[in-house]
Amino acid sequence: MEQSNNTKPKEVWISHLCDAPRELVFKAWTDPEQLKHWYAPDDCTIDIFSMEVTPGGTFQTCIHNPTYGDCWCKGEYLEVVFPEKLVFSIYITDSEGNRLADSGKDEKWPGTIITTVTFKAIGDKCSFTLHQTVSEELAKQTGAYQSWLQMFSNLDDLTAKT
């Protein structure tokens, strides 16, 4: 499907309901000890090398994928409002943290993606919505969209144990 020059492709929007309080879910997004247990797709693991969850704070991670290899990322927290909202940038790097011109993804993949997650309490549960500044179609083609769904299932498993 071709986009006209003045229409923007539909970006990634995913809503999810967790059977856990909002504060607990927000903490799972912001505590590296919890994040490492859910923030990687199925059959993958993640190393969190740095993570300072404050406005202007940065993070560096590496997702280890047995099929496609390592995916190094860096980013910056742009907005942190406990327990309501997280906004962060993310981009692909090499193992030294240098931004890569070729991320290994589709050539249309943006150099930097802004991710916004808003959290709402619904009784004793938490509904959150993730928005990313990347085309939903492209995210589905590259597997990024499906990876989020897998990670949210992992998050459900983690918060169920708490």
N, C-alpha and C. Protein backbone atom coordinates (compact mmCIF):
# COMPACT_ATOMS: atom_id res chain seq x y z
N MET A 1 0.84 -1.18 0.00
CA MET A 1 0.00 0.00 0.00
C MET A 1 0.88 1.24 0.00
N GLU A 2 0.67 2.11 -0.94
CA GLU A 2 1.50 3.30 -1.07
C GLU A 2 0.90 4.45 -0.28
N GLN A 3 1.75 5.23 0.37
CA GLN A 3 1.31 6.40 1.11
C GLN A 3 1.47 7.63 0.23
N SER A 4 0.50 8.53 0.28
CA SER A 4 0.68 9.79 -0.44
C SER A 4 1.67 10.64 0.35
N ASN A 5 2.21 11.65 -0.29
CA ASN A 5 3.25 12.47 0.33
C ASN A 5 2.78 13.20 1.58
N ASN A 6 1.49 13.47 1.71
CA ASN A 6 1.03 14.23 2.86
C ASN A 6 0.29 13.38 3.89
N THR A 7 0.41 12.07 3.81
CA THR A 7 -0.14 11.22 4.87
C THR A 7 0.99 10.43 5.50
N LYS A 8 0.95 10.40 6.80
CA LYS A 8 1.97 9.70 7.57
C LYS A 8 1.52 8.26 7.79
N PRO A 9 2.41 7.28 7.67
CA PRO A 9 2.00 5.90 7.93
C PRO A 9 1.57 5.73 9.39
N LYS A 10 0.66 4.80 9.61
CA LYS A 10 0.19 4.51 10.96
C LYS A 10 1.37 4.02 11.80
N GLU A 11 1.57 4.67 12.95
CA GLU A 11 2.67 4.28 13.83
C GLU A 11 2.23 3.17 14.78
N VAL A 12 3.17 2.66 15.54
CA VAL A 12 2.89 1.57 16.48
C VAL A 12 2.13 2.12 17.69
N TRP A 13 0.99 1.53 17.95
CA TRP A 13 0.19 1.79 19.15
C TRP A 13 -0.25 0.42 19.66
N ILE A 14 0.14 0.08 20.89
CA ILE A 14 -0.26 -1.20 21.48
C ILE A 14 -0.76 -0.91 22.89
N SER A 15 -1.96 -1.39 23.20
CA SER A 15 -2.50 -1.29 24.56
C SER A 15 -2.48 -2.67 25.19
N HIS A 16 -2.26 -2.68 26.50
CA HIS A 16 -2.15 -3.95 27.21
C HIS A 16 -2.71 -3.78 28.63
N LEU A 17 -3.39 -4.80 29.12
CA LEU A 17 -3.92 -4.79 30.48
C LEU A 17 -3.16 -5.80 31.32
N CYS A 18 -2.55 -5.32 32.41
CA CYS A 18 -1.82 -6.19 33.34
C CYS A 18 -2.66 -6.41 34.58
N ASP A 19 -2.66 -7.62 35.07
CA ASP A 19 -3.38 -7.95 36.29
C ASP A 19 -2.48 -7.65 37.49
N ALA A 20 -2.09 -6.38 37.59
CA ALA A 20 -1.20 -5.93 38.67
C ALA A 20 -1.41 -4.42 38.84
N PRO A 21 -1.14 -3.90 40.04
CA PRO A 21 -1.30 -2.46 40.26
C PRO A 21 -0.36 -1.63 39.39
N ARG A 22 -0.81 -0.43 39.06
CA ARG A 22 -0.05 0.46 38.18
C ARG A 22 1.36 0.71 38.70
N GLU A 23 1.52 0.96 39.99
CA GLU A 23 2.84 1.24 40.56
C GLU A 23 3.80 0.08 40.34
N LEU A 24 3.29 -1.14 40.49
CA LEU A 24 4.12 -2.33 40.30
C LEU A 24 4.53 -2.49 38.83
N VAL A 25 3.61 -2.22 37.92
CA VAL A 25 3.91 -2.33 36.48
C VAL A 25 4.91 -1.25 36.08
N PHE A 26 4.71 -0.03 36.57
CA PHE A 26 5.65 1.06 36.26
C PHE A 26 7.05 0.69 36.75
N LYS A 27 7.12 0.14 37.96
CA LYS A 27 8.42 -0.25 38.51
C LYS A 27 9.09 -1.34 37.65
N ALA A 28 8.28 -2.24 37.09
CA ALA A 28 8.84 -3.29 36.22
C ALA A 28 9.48 -2.69 34.97
N TRP A 29 9.03 -1.51 34.55
CA TRP A 29 9.61 -0.81 33.41
C TRP A 29 10.85 0.00 33.79
N THR A 30 11.00 0.31 35.08
CA THR A 30 12.05 1.26 35.48
C THR A 30 13.10 0.67 36.41
N ASP A 31 12.94 -0.54 36.86
CA ASP A 31 13.90 -1.21 37.74
C ASP A 31 14.69 -2.23 36.90
N PRO A 32 16.00 -2.01 36.71
CA PRO A 32 16.76 -2.92 35.85
C PRO A 32 16.71 -4.38 36.30
N GLU A 33 16.60 -4.62 37.60
CA GLU A 33 16.52 -6.00 38.08
C GLU A 33 15.24 -6.69 37.62
N GLN A 34 14.17 -5.94 37.50
CA GLN A 34 12.92 -6.51 36.98
C GLN A 34 12.91 -6.52 35.45
N LEU A 35 13.40 -5.44 34.86
CA LEU A 35 13.38 -5.30 33.41
C LEU A 35 14.10 -6.45 32.72
N LYS A 36 15.20 -6.90 33.30
CA LYS A 36 15.99 -7.96 32.65
C LYS A 36 15.23 -9.29 32.59
N HIS A 37 14.15 -9.42 33.36
CA HIS A 37 13.38 -10.66 33.35
C HIS A 37 12.26 -10.68 32.31
N TRP A 38 11.98 -9.53 31.69
CA TRP A 38 10.87 -9.53 30.73
C TRP A 38 11.13 -8.76 29.44
N TYR A 39 12.12 -7.89 29.41
CA TYR A 39 12.29 -6.96 28.30
C TYR A 39 13.16 -7.54 27.18
N ALA A 40 12.80 -8.72 26.73
CA ALA A 40 13.44 -9.36 25.57
C ALA A 40 12.43 -10.34 24.98
N PRO A 41 12.42 -10.47 23.65
CA PRO A 41 11.48 -11.41 23.03
C PRO A 41 11.77 -12.86 23.45
N ASP A 42 10.84 -13.73 23.11
CA ASP A 42 10.98 -15.16 23.43
C ASP A 42 12.33 -15.69 22.93
N ASP A 43 12.94 -16.55 23.72
CA ASP A 43 14.22 -17.19 23.42
C ASP A 43 15.41 -16.23 23.41
N CYS A 44 15.20 -15.00 23.84
CA CYS A 44 16.28 -14.01 23.90
C CYS A 44 16.53 -13.61 25.35
N THR A 45 17.70 -13.02 25.59
CA THR A 45 18.02 -12.47 26.91
C THR A 45 18.49 -11.03 26.71
N ILE A 46 18.52 -10.29 27.81
CA ILE A 46 18.97 -8.90 27.74
C ILE A 46 19.99 -8.63 28.84
N ASP A 47 21.02 -7.89 28.49
CA ASP A 47 21.96 -7.33 29.47
C ASP A 47 21.70 -5.84 29.53
N ILE A 48 21.63 -5.32 30.74
CA ILE A 48 21.43 -3.89 30.95
C ILE A 48 22.73 -3.36 31.53
N PHE A 49 23.46 -2.59 30.75
CA PHE A 49 24.78 -2.10 31.16
C PHE A 49 24.69 -0.81 31.94
N SER A 50 23.72 0.01 31.62
CA SER A 50 23.48 1.24 32.38
C SER A 50 22.02 1.60 32.21
N MET A 51 21.47 2.24 33.26
CA MET A 51 20.06 2.62 33.21
C MET A 51 19.80 3.63 34.31
N GLU A 52 19.65 4.88 33.92
CA GLU A 52 19.35 5.96 34.86
C GLU A 52 18.00 6.55 34.48
N VAL A 53 16.95 6.12 35.20
CA VAL A 53 15.59 6.48 34.84
C VAL A 53 15.23 7.83 35.47
N THR A 54 15.76 8.88 34.88
CA THR A 54 15.44 10.26 35.24
C THR A 54 15.44 11.05 33.93
N PRO A 55 14.72 12.17 33.87
CA PRO A 55 14.78 12.96 32.64
C PRO A 55 16.24 13.33 32.32
N GLY A 56 16.67 13.02 31.12
CA GLY A 56 18.06 13.23 30.72
C GLY A 56 18.96 12.05 31.01
N GLY A 57 18.46 11.08 31.80
CA GLY A 57 19.23 9.87 32.09
C GLY A 57 19.30 8.99 30.86
N THR A 58 20.31 8.14 30.82
CA THR A 58 20.51 7.30 29.65
C THR A 58 20.48 5.82 30.01
N PHE A 59 20.42 4.99 28.98
CA PHE A 59 20.52 3.55 29.17
C PHE A 59 21.29 2.95 28.02
N GLN A 60 21.89 1.78 28.28
CA GLN A 60 22.54 1.00 27.24
C GLN A 60 22.24 -0.47 27.52
N THR A 61 21.75 -1.16 26.49
CA THR A 61 21.35 -2.56 26.62
C THR A 61 21.85 -3.37 25.43
N CYS A 62 21.80 -4.68 25.61
CA CYS A 62 22.07 -5.58 24.50
C CYS A 62 21.12 -6.76 24.61
N ILE A 63 20.31 -6.96 23.57
CA ILE A 63 19.45 -8.13 23.50
C ILE A 63 20.20 -9.20 22.72
N HIS A 64 20.33 -10.37 23.33
CA HIS A 64 21.03 -11.50 22.71
C HIS A 64 19.99 -12.41 22.07
N ASN A 65 20.04 -12.51 20.76
CA ASN A 65 19.09 -13.32 20.00
C ASN A 65 19.86 -14.49 19.39
N PRO A 66 19.50 -15.73 19.74
CA PRO A 66 20.25 -16.88 19.23
C PRO A 66 20.18 -17.04 17.71
N THR A 67 19.18 -16.47 17.08
CA THR A 67 19.04 -16.58 15.62
C THR A 67 19.70 -15.43 14.88
N TYR A 68 19.49 -14.20 15.37
CA TYR A 68 19.95 -13.02 14.63
C TYR A 68 21.16 -12.32 15.25
N GLY A 69 21.63 -12.78 16.39
CA GLY A 69 22.79 -12.17 17.03
C GLY A 69 22.40 -11.06 18.00
N ASP A 70 23.39 -10.28 18.38
CA ASP A 70 23.19 -9.24 19.40
C ASP A 70 22.62 -7.97 18.79
N CYS A 71 21.78 -7.31 19.58
CA CYS A 71 21.22 -6.01 19.19
C CYS A 71 21.52 -5.03 20.32
N TRP A 72 22.51 -4.18 20.08
CA TRP A 72 22.93 -3.17 21.06
C TRP A 72 22.10 -1.91 20.87
N CYS A 73 21.66 -1.32 21.98
CA CYS A 73 20.84 -0.11 21.92
C CYS A 73 21.27 0.87 23.00
N LYS A 74 21.06 2.13 22.69
CA LYS A 74 21.22 3.21 23.67
C LYS A 74 20.00 4.10 23.56
N GLY A 75 19.80 4.88 24.60
CA GLY A 75 18.70 5.83 24.55
C GLY A 75 18.76 6.79 25.72
N GLU A 76 17.80 7.70 25.72
CA GLU A 76 17.71 8.72 26.75
C GLU A 76 16.27 8.82 27.23
N TYR A 77 16.11 8.93 28.54
CA TYR A 77 14.79 9.16 29.12
C TYR A 77 14.46 10.64 28.96
N LEU A 78 13.38 10.92 28.25
CA LEU A 78 12.98 12.30 27.98
C LEU A 78 11.97 12.80 29.00
N GLU A 79 11.14 11.88 29.50
CA GLU A 79 10.12 12.23 30.49
C GLU A 79 9.88 11.02 31.38
N VAL A 80 9.85 11.25 32.70
CA VAL A 80 9.58 10.20 33.67
C VAL A 80 8.62 10.77 34.70
N VAL A 81 7.38 10.29 34.69
CA VAL A 81 6.36 10.75 35.63
C VAL A 81 5.81 9.52 36.34
N PHE A 82 6.31 9.25 37.55
CA PHE A 82 5.88 8.07 38.31
C PHE A 82 4.45 8.27 38.79
N PRO A 83 3.60 7.30 38.66
CA PRO A 83 3.65 6.05 37.90
C PRO A 83 2.83 6.15 36.61
N GLU A 84 2.88 7.34 35.96
CA GLU A 84 1.96 7.63 34.86
C GLU A 84 2.55 7.53 33.46
N LYS A 85 3.83 7.89 33.31
CA LYS A 85 4.32 8.05 31.93
C LYS A 85 5.83 7.90 31.84
N LEU A 86 6.27 7.24 30.78
CA LEU A 86 7.68 7.15 30.41
C LEU A 86 7.80 7.55 28.94
N VAL A 87 8.79 8.38 28.65
CA VAL A 87 9.10 8.72 27.26
C VAL A 87 10.60 8.57 27.11
N PHE A 88 11.03 7.79 26.12
CA PHE A 88 12.46 7.63 25.90
C PHE A 88 12.77 7.48 24.42
N SER A 89 13.98 7.89 24.07
CA SER A 89 14.50 7.66 22.72
C SER A 89 15.30 6.38 22.74
N ILE A 90 15.41 5.76 21.57
CA ILE A 90 16.21 4.54 21.46
C ILE A 90 16.78 4.45 20.05
N TYR A 91 18.04 4.01 19.98
CA TYR A 91 18.68 3.83 18.68
C TYR A 91 19.67 2.68 18.76
N ILE A 92 19.96 2.09 17.60
CA ILE A 92 20.85 0.93 17.49
C ILE A 92 22.30 1.41 17.51
N THR A 93 23.15 0.67 18.25
CA THR A 93 24.57 1.02 18.34
C THR A 93 25.43 -0.22 18.10
N ASP A 94 26.73 0.01 18.08
CA ASP A 94 27.66 -1.12 18.14
C ASP A 94 27.93 -1.41 19.62
N SER A 95 28.79 -2.38 19.90
CA SER A 95 29.04 -2.77 21.30
C SER A 95 29.74 -1.68 22.10
N GLU A 96 30.33 -0.71 21.41
CA GLU A 96 31.00 0.42 22.09
C GLU A 96 30.04 1.58 22.33
N GLY A 97 28.80 1.45 21.87
CA GLY A 97 27.82 2.51 22.06
C GLY A 97 27.78 3.54 20.95
N ASN A 98 28.51 3.30 19.86
CA ASN A 98 28.50 4.22 18.72
C ASN A 98 27.28 3.95 17.85
N ARG A 99 26.58 5.02 17.51
CA ARG A 99 25.39 4.91 16.67
C ARG A 99 25.76 4.26 15.32
N LEU A 100 24.92 3.32 14.88
CA LEU A 100 25.17 2.65 13.60
C LEU A 100 24.35 3.29 12.49
N ALA A 101 24.98 3.54 11.36
CA ALA A 101 24.25 4.05 10.20
C ALA A 101 23.37 2.94 9.64
N ASP A 102 23.87 1.70 9.67
CA ASP A 102 23.11 0.55 9.18
C ASP A 102 22.77 -0.33 10.38
N SER A 103 21.50 -0.31 10.78
CA SER A 103 21.09 -1.06 11.96
C SER A 103 20.86 -2.54 11.67
N GLY A 104 20.92 -2.91 10.41
CA GLY A 104 20.63 -4.30 10.06
C GLY A 104 19.15 -4.55 9.86
N LYS A 105 18.33 -3.53 10.14
CA LYS A 105 16.90 -3.64 9.90
C LYS A 105 16.60 -3.08 8.50
N ASP A 106 15.35 -3.00 8.16
CA ASP A 106 14.93 -2.42 6.89
C ASP A 106 15.51 -1.02 6.73
N GLU A 107 15.85 -0.66 5.50
CA GLU A 107 16.46 0.66 5.25
C GLU A 107 15.53 1.81 5.64
N LYS A 108 14.23 1.55 5.75
CA LYS A 108 13.28 2.59 6.17
C LYS A 108 13.19 2.72 7.69
N TRP A 109 13.87 1.85 8.42
CA TRP A 109 13.83 1.88 9.88
C TRP A 109 14.44 3.21 10.36
N PRO A 110 13.74 3.95 11.23
CA PRO A 110 14.25 5.26 11.66
C PRO A 110 15.54 5.14 12.47
N GLY A 111 16.39 6.15 12.37
CA GLY A 111 17.63 6.17 13.13
C GLY A 111 17.38 6.26 14.63
N THR A 112 16.37 7.02 15.02
CA THR A 112 15.97 7.14 16.43
C THR A 112 14.47 6.96 16.51
N ILE A 113 14.04 6.20 17.49
CA ILE A 113 12.61 6.00 17.74
C ILE A 113 12.29 6.60 19.11
N ILE A 114 11.18 7.31 19.18
CA ILE A 114 10.68 7.81 20.46
C ILE A 114 9.58 6.85 20.91
N THR A 115 9.71 6.36 22.13
CA THR A 115 8.73 5.45 22.72
C THR A 115 8.06 6.17 23.88
N THR A 116 6.73 6.18 23.88
CA THR A 116 5.94 6.76 24.97
C THR A 116 5.07 5.66 25.54
N VAL A 117 5.12 5.50 26.86
CA VAL A 117 4.27 4.52 27.53
C VAL A 117 3.47 5.27 28.59
N THR A 118 2.15 5.19 28.51
CA THR A 118 1.28 5.81 29.50
C THR A 118 0.58 4.70 30.29
N PHE A 119 0.51 4.89 31.60
CA PHE A 119 -0.01 3.88 32.52
C PHE A 119 -1.27 4.43 33.19
N LYS A 120 -2.34 3.62 33.23
CA LYS A 120 -3.58 4.02 33.89
C LYS A 120 -4.02 2.93 34.84
N ALA A 121 -4.44 3.34 36.03
CA ALA A 121 -4.98 2.39 37.00
C ALA A 121 -6.43 2.11 36.63
N ILE A 122 -6.77 0.84 36.61
CA ILE A 122 -8.16 0.41 36.41
C ILE A 122 -8.46 -0.54 37.56
N GLY A 123 -8.99 0.01 38.64
CA GLY A 123 -9.16 -0.77 39.85
C GLY A 123 -7.79 -1.20 40.35
N ASP A 124 -7.59 -2.49 40.58
CA ASP A 124 -6.29 -2.99 41.03
C ASP A 124 -5.44 -3.52 39.86
N LYS A 125 -5.80 -3.13 38.65
CA LYS A 125 -5.05 -3.53 37.45
C LYS A 125 -4.43 -2.30 36.80
N CYS A 126 -3.60 -2.54 35.82
CA CYS A 126 -2.95 -1.45 35.10
C CYS A 126 -3.13 -1.64 33.59
N SER A 127 -3.63 -0.61 32.96
CA SER A 127 -3.69 -0.57 31.51
C SER A 127 -2.59 0.37 31.04
N PHE A 128 -1.79 -0.08 30.09
CA PHE A 128 -0.80 0.85 29.54
C PHE A 128 -0.86 0.82 28.03
N THR A 129 -0.47 1.94 27.46
CA THR A 129 -0.43 2.08 26.01
C THR A 129 0.97 2.48 25.60
N LEU A 130 1.52 1.74 24.65
CA LEU A 130 2.84 2.02 24.11
C LEU A 130 2.66 2.65 22.73
N HIS A 131 3.36 3.74 22.49
CA HIS A 131 3.38 4.38 21.17
C HIS A 131 4.83 4.52 20.75
N GLN A 132 5.13 4.12 19.52
CA GLN A 132 6.48 4.29 18.97
C GLN A 132 6.40 5.00 17.63
N THR A 133 7.40 5.85 17.39
CA THR A 133 7.45 6.64 16.16
C THR A 133 8.12 5.83 15.04
N VAL A 134 7.50 4.71 14.74
CA VAL A 134 7.92 3.86 13.62
C VAL A 134 6.64 3.32 13.00
N SER A 135 6.66 3.12 11.72
CA SER A 135 5.50 2.60 11.01
C SER A 135 5.10 1.23 11.56
N GLU A 136 3.81 1.06 11.84
CA GLU A 136 3.33 -0.23 12.33
C GLU A 136 3.61 -1.33 11.30
N GLU A 137 3.40 -1.02 10.04
CA GLU A 137 3.65 -2.00 8.98
C GLU A 137 5.12 -2.44 8.98
N LEU A 138 6.03 -1.48 9.10
CA LEU A 138 7.45 -1.80 9.13
C LEU A 138 7.81 -2.58 10.39
N ALA A 139 7.23 -2.19 11.53
CA ALA A 139 7.48 -2.91 12.78
C ALA A 139 7.01 -4.36 12.69
N LYS A 140 5.91 -4.59 12.02
CA LYS A 140 5.42 -5.96 11.84
C LYS A 140 6.32 -6.73 10.88
N GLN A 141 6.79 -6.08 9.82
CA GLN A 141 7.67 -6.74 8.85
C GLN A 141 8.99 -7.17 9.48
N THR A 142 9.51 -6.36 10.39
CA THR A 142 10.81 -6.64 11.01
C THR A 142 10.71 -7.52 12.26
N GLY A 143 9.49 -7.75 12.74
CA GLY A 143 9.30 -8.55 13.95
C GLY A 143 9.29 -7.74 15.23
N ALA A 144 9.53 -6.43 15.14
CA ALA A 144 9.56 -5.60 16.34
C ALA A 144 8.20 -5.56 17.03
N TYR A 145 7.13 -5.49 16.26
CA TYR A 145 5.78 -5.44 16.83
C TYR A 145 5.48 -6.72 17.60
N GLN A 146 5.76 -7.85 16.96
CA GLN A 146 5.52 -9.15 17.61
C GLN A 146 6.38 -9.30 18.86
N SER A 147 7.58 -8.74 18.83
CA SER A 147 8.46 -8.81 20.00
C SER A 147 7.83 -8.09 21.19
N TRP A 148 7.19 -6.94 20.94
CA TRP A 148 6.51 -6.25 22.04
C TRP A 148 5.43 -7.13 22.65
N LEU A 149 4.65 -7.80 21.81
CA LEU A 149 3.59 -8.66 22.33
C LEU A 149 4.17 -9.78 23.19
N GLN A 150 5.27 -10.37 22.74
CA GLN A 150 5.94 -11.42 23.53
C GLN A 150 6.44 -10.85 24.86
N MET A 151 7.03 -9.66 24.81
CA MET A 151 7.57 -9.07 26.04
C MET A 151 6.45 -8.73 27.02
N PHE A 152 5.30 -8.28 26.50
CA PHE A 152 4.19 -7.98 27.41
C PHE A 152 3.67 -9.25 28.08
N SER A 153 3.72 -10.37 27.38
CA SER A 153 3.36 -11.65 28.00
C SER A 153 4.37 -11.99 29.10
N ASN A 154 5.65 -11.73 28.84
CA ASN A 154 6.68 -11.94 29.87
C ASN A 154 6.45 -11.03 31.07
N LEU A 155 6.04 -9.79 30.81
CA LEU A 155 5.73 -8.85 31.89
C LEU A 155 4.57 -9.37 32.73
N ASP A 156 3.55 -9.92 32.09
CA ASP A 156 2.43 -10.51 32.83
C ASP A 156 2.93 -11.62 33.76
N ASP A 157 3.82 -12.47 33.24
CA ASP A 157 4.36 -13.55 34.05
C ASP A 157 5.13 -13.00 35.25
N LEU A 158 5.92 -11.96 35.03
CA LEU A 158 6.71 -11.37 36.12
C LEU A 158 5.81 -10.75 37.18
N THR A 159 4.84 -9.95 36.75
CA THR A 159 3.99 -9.26 37.73
C THR A 159 3.06 -10.23 38.46
N ALA A 160 2.75 -11.37 37.85
CA ALA A 160 1.92 -12.37 38.52
C ALA A 160 2.65 -12.99 39.70
N LYS A 161 3.99 -13.02 39.64
CA LYS A 161 4.80 -13.60 40.72
C LYS A 161 4.97 -12.64 41.90
N THR A 162 4.71 -11.37 41.66
CA THR A 162 4.99 -10.35 42.68
C THR A 162 3.82 -10.16 43.61
